[in-house]
Amino acid sequence: MTGYVIQSVEFPDETTPKWAPLRKEDDLPSHIKGSAVWLQPATKPSGVTPPPSYHMQTKEGMLPVTFLNDKWYWLDWSDDERFRGYWVQANLAVMMHGAGLGDVTDEACTPQSKQPPTIFETRTRAESASTGPAERSPISTSSSDEPVDTNPE
């Protein structure tokens, strides 16, 4: 995917529901989608089938969410003929911590490799008497070369 539609809504206050503009397709890049999945919801008891949208797994099942104003929000479906559709409120922003959803700032994150990181560095073996020959320094037999003071006074 090369791009996505940036959607925004002006909320008059925290609790007034606003009609939620929906995406026509699964167009969000994976760093924004995170764990959200594009689903076609089941038909409601009224016989109306809500349009496809992103959903998030919760304890209650798959619940609809939308990405507006660079945030994820829970969606509320109204089956009332006068207001049929998805609605959103400013106070229904998804708490991001632990939700598994991405955001626009995640793009700069480096993807984790498949192998877990290690704290150990790979090093080459140092040469020692057991691993290979070492250069020998000449041994002096002269007493004047001895580094230990044998006559302390």
Protein backbone atom coordinates (compact mmCIF):
# COMPACT_ATOMS: atom_id res chain seq x y z
CA MET A 1 0.00 0.00 0.00
CA THR A 2 1.45 3.31 -0.98
CA GLY A 3 -0.91 5.63 0.88
CA TYR A 4 -4.06 5.95 2.89
CA VAL A 5 -6.86 8.44 3.35
CA ILE A 6 -6.35 10.72 6.34
CA GLN A 7 -9.70 11.05 8.09
CA SER A 8 -10.58 13.60 10.71
CA VAL A 9 -13.61 14.65 12.70
CA GLU A 10 -14.15 17.80 14.75
CA PHE A 11 -15.72 16.84 18.05
CA PRO A 12 -17.91 19.55 19.62
CA ASP A 13 -17.19 18.07 23.06
CA GLU A 14 -16.13 14.79 24.69
CA THR A 15 -19.50 13.02 24.67
CA THR A 16 -21.52 14.21 21.67
CA PRO A 17 -21.66 11.43 19.08
CA LYS A 18 -20.53 12.30 15.57
CA TRP A 19 -21.20 10.29 12.42
CA ALA A 20 -18.02 8.33 11.68
CA PRO A 21 -16.62 8.54 8.17
CA LEU A 22 -15.69 5.03 7.10
CA ARG A 23 -12.92 3.75 4.90
CA LYS A 24 -13.94 2.13 1.65
CA GLU A 25 -11.14 -0.44 1.85
CA ASP A 26 -8.39 -1.82 4.05
CA ASP A 27 -5.92 0.96 3.23
CA LEU A 28 -3.99 1.57 6.44
CA PRO A 29 -0.32 0.55 6.47
CA SER A 30 0.61 -2.23 8.88
CA HIS A 31 2.50 0.09 11.27
CA ILE A 32 -0.79 1.93 11.90
CA LYS A 33 -3.10 -1.11 11.82
CA GLY A 34 -1.15 -3.06 14.38
CA SER A 35 -3.51 -5.84 15.46
CA ALA A 36 -6.63 -4.31 13.86
CA VAL A 37 -8.24 -6.45 11.15
CA TRP A 38 -10.58 -5.47 8.32
CA LEU A 39 -13.88 -7.34 8.71
CA GLN A 40 -17.36 -7.48 7.27
CA PRO A 41 -19.66 -7.52 10.33
CA ALA A 42 -22.54 -9.96 10.56
CA THR A 43 -26.07 -8.89 9.67
CA LYS A 44 -27.91 -7.29 12.58
CA PRO A 45 -31.25 -8.69 13.87
CA SER A 46 -32.95 -5.83 12.00
CA GLY A 47 -31.66 -7.30 8.73
CA VAL A 48 -29.14 -4.49 8.16
CA THR A 49 -25.50 -5.38 7.51
CA PRO A 50 -23.04 -2.74 8.73
CA PRO A 51 -20.31 -1.82 6.25
CA PRO A 52 -16.85 -3.39 6.60
CA SER A 53 -14.48 -1.67 8.99
CA TYR A 54 -11.45 -2.32 11.16
CA HIS A 55 -12.07 -4.45 14.24
CA MET A 56 -10.10 -5.24 17.36
CA GLN A 57 -10.22 -8.42 19.43
CA THR A 58 -11.51 -7.86 22.97
CA LYS A 59 -12.92 -10.07 25.73
CA GLU A 60 -16.37 -9.33 24.28
CA GLY A 61 -15.32 -10.41 20.76
CA MET A 62 -14.36 -8.41 17.69
CA LEU A 63 -15.41 -4.77 18.15
CA PRO A 64 -15.34 -2.06 15.45
CA VAL A 65 -12.70 0.67 15.61
CA THR A 66 -11.69 3.51 13.31
CA PHE A 67 -8.56 5.60 12.82
CA LEU A 68 -9.47 9.31 12.97
CA ASN A 69 -7.44 12.37 13.90
CA ASP A 70 -4.33 10.11 14.11
CA LYS A 71 -5.97 8.05 16.91
CA TRP A 72 -7.99 4.88 17.21
CA TYR A 73 -11.60 5.19 18.40
CA TRP A 74 -14.26 2.63 19.31
CA LEU A 75 -17.26 2.75 16.98
CA ASP A 76 -20.87 2.48 18.06
CA TRP A 77 -23.44 1.12 15.58
CA SER A 78 -26.88 2.71 15.47
CA ASP A 79 -29.63 0.62 13.89
CA ASP A 80 -32.17 3.42 14.16
CA GLU A 81 -33.34 4.29 10.62
CA ARG A 82 -32.83 8.01 11.24
CA PHE A 83 -29.23 7.55 12.45
CA ARG A 84 -28.19 4.24 10.91
CA GLY A 85 -24.42 3.94 10.75
CA TYR A 86 -21.32 4.05 12.85
CA TRP A 87 -20.91 6.83 15.39
CA VAL A 88 -17.86 7.98 17.33
CA GLN A 89 -17.25 10.13 20.41
CA ALA A 90 -14.09 11.93 21.52
CA ASN A 91 -14.15 10.15 24.88
CA LEU A 92 -14.16 6.74 23.16
CA ALA A 93 -10.52 6.88 22.08
CA VAL A 94 -8.88 3.47 22.46
CA MET A 95 -6.30 3.42 25.23
CA MET A 96 -3.20 2.58 23.19
CA HIS A 97 -1.10 1.03 25.95
CA GLY A 98 -1.34 -2.72 25.53
CA ALA A 99 -4.09 -2.54 22.89
CA GLY A 100 -1.87 -3.79 20.08
CA LEU A 101 -2.92 -1.02 17.70
CA GLY A 102 -0.32 1.05 15.89
CA ASP A 103 -0.15 4.76 15.18
CA VAL A 104 1.53 7.20 12.82
CA THR A 105 4.65 7.43 14.99
CA ASP A 106 5.32 3.67 14.76
CA GLU A 107 6.60 4.01 11.17
CA ALA A 108 10.05 5.02 12.40
CA CYS A 109 10.32 1.95 14.59
CA THR A 110 12.63 -0.73 13.32
CA PRO A 111 10.96 -4.08 12.87
CA GLN A 112 12.14 -6.74 15.26
CA SER A 113 14.10 -9.59 13.76
CA LYS A 114 12.71 -13.13 13.91
CA GLN A 115 15.54 -14.20 16.23
CA PRO A 116 15.60 -12.79 19.75
CA PRO A 117 18.36 -10.28 20.40
CA THR A 118 21.37 -11.49 22.32
CA ILE A 119 23.50 -9.69 24.87
CA PHE A 120 26.56 -11.64 23.83
CA GLU A 121 28.93 -10.39 21.16
CA THR A 122 30.66 -12.73 18.77
CA ARG A 123 34.38 -12.38 19.31
CA THR A 124 37.41 -13.91 17.68
CA ARG A 125 39.57 -16.10 19.84
CA ALA A 126 42.58 -14.45 21.34
CA GLU A 127 45.84 -16.22 20.73
CA SER A 128 47.26 -17.85 23.83
CA ALA A 129 49.71 -20.62 24.70
CA SER A 130 46.86 -23.13 24.36
CA THR A 131 45.49 -21.82 21.05
CA GLY A 132 48.62 -21.01 19.14
CA PRO A 133 52.16 -19.77 19.16
CA ALA A 134 52.88 -16.43 20.72
CA GLU A 135 55.86 -14.25 20.05
CA ARG A 136 58.49 -14.88 22.68
CA SER A 137 60.34 -12.02 24.22
CA PRO A 138 64.06 -12.50 24.83
CA ILE A 139 64.95 -13.28 28.44
CA SER A 140 67.82 -11.31 29.82
CA THR A 141 70.27 -12.96 32.17
CA SER A 142 71.86 -9.75 33.24
CA SER A 143 71.14 -8.73 36.86
CA SER A 144 70.90 -5.09 35.82
CA ASP A 145 67.80 -5.93 33.70
CA GLU A 146 65.97 -7.36 36.71
CA PRO A 147 62.91 -5.19 37.52
CA VAL A 148 62.81 -6.21 41.20
CA ASP A 149 64.85 -4.21 43.68
CA THR A 150 66.77 -6.87 45.57
CA ASN A 151 68.56 -4.42 47.88
CA PRO A 152 65.90 -2.19 49.43
CA GLU A 153 67.41 0.42 51.80
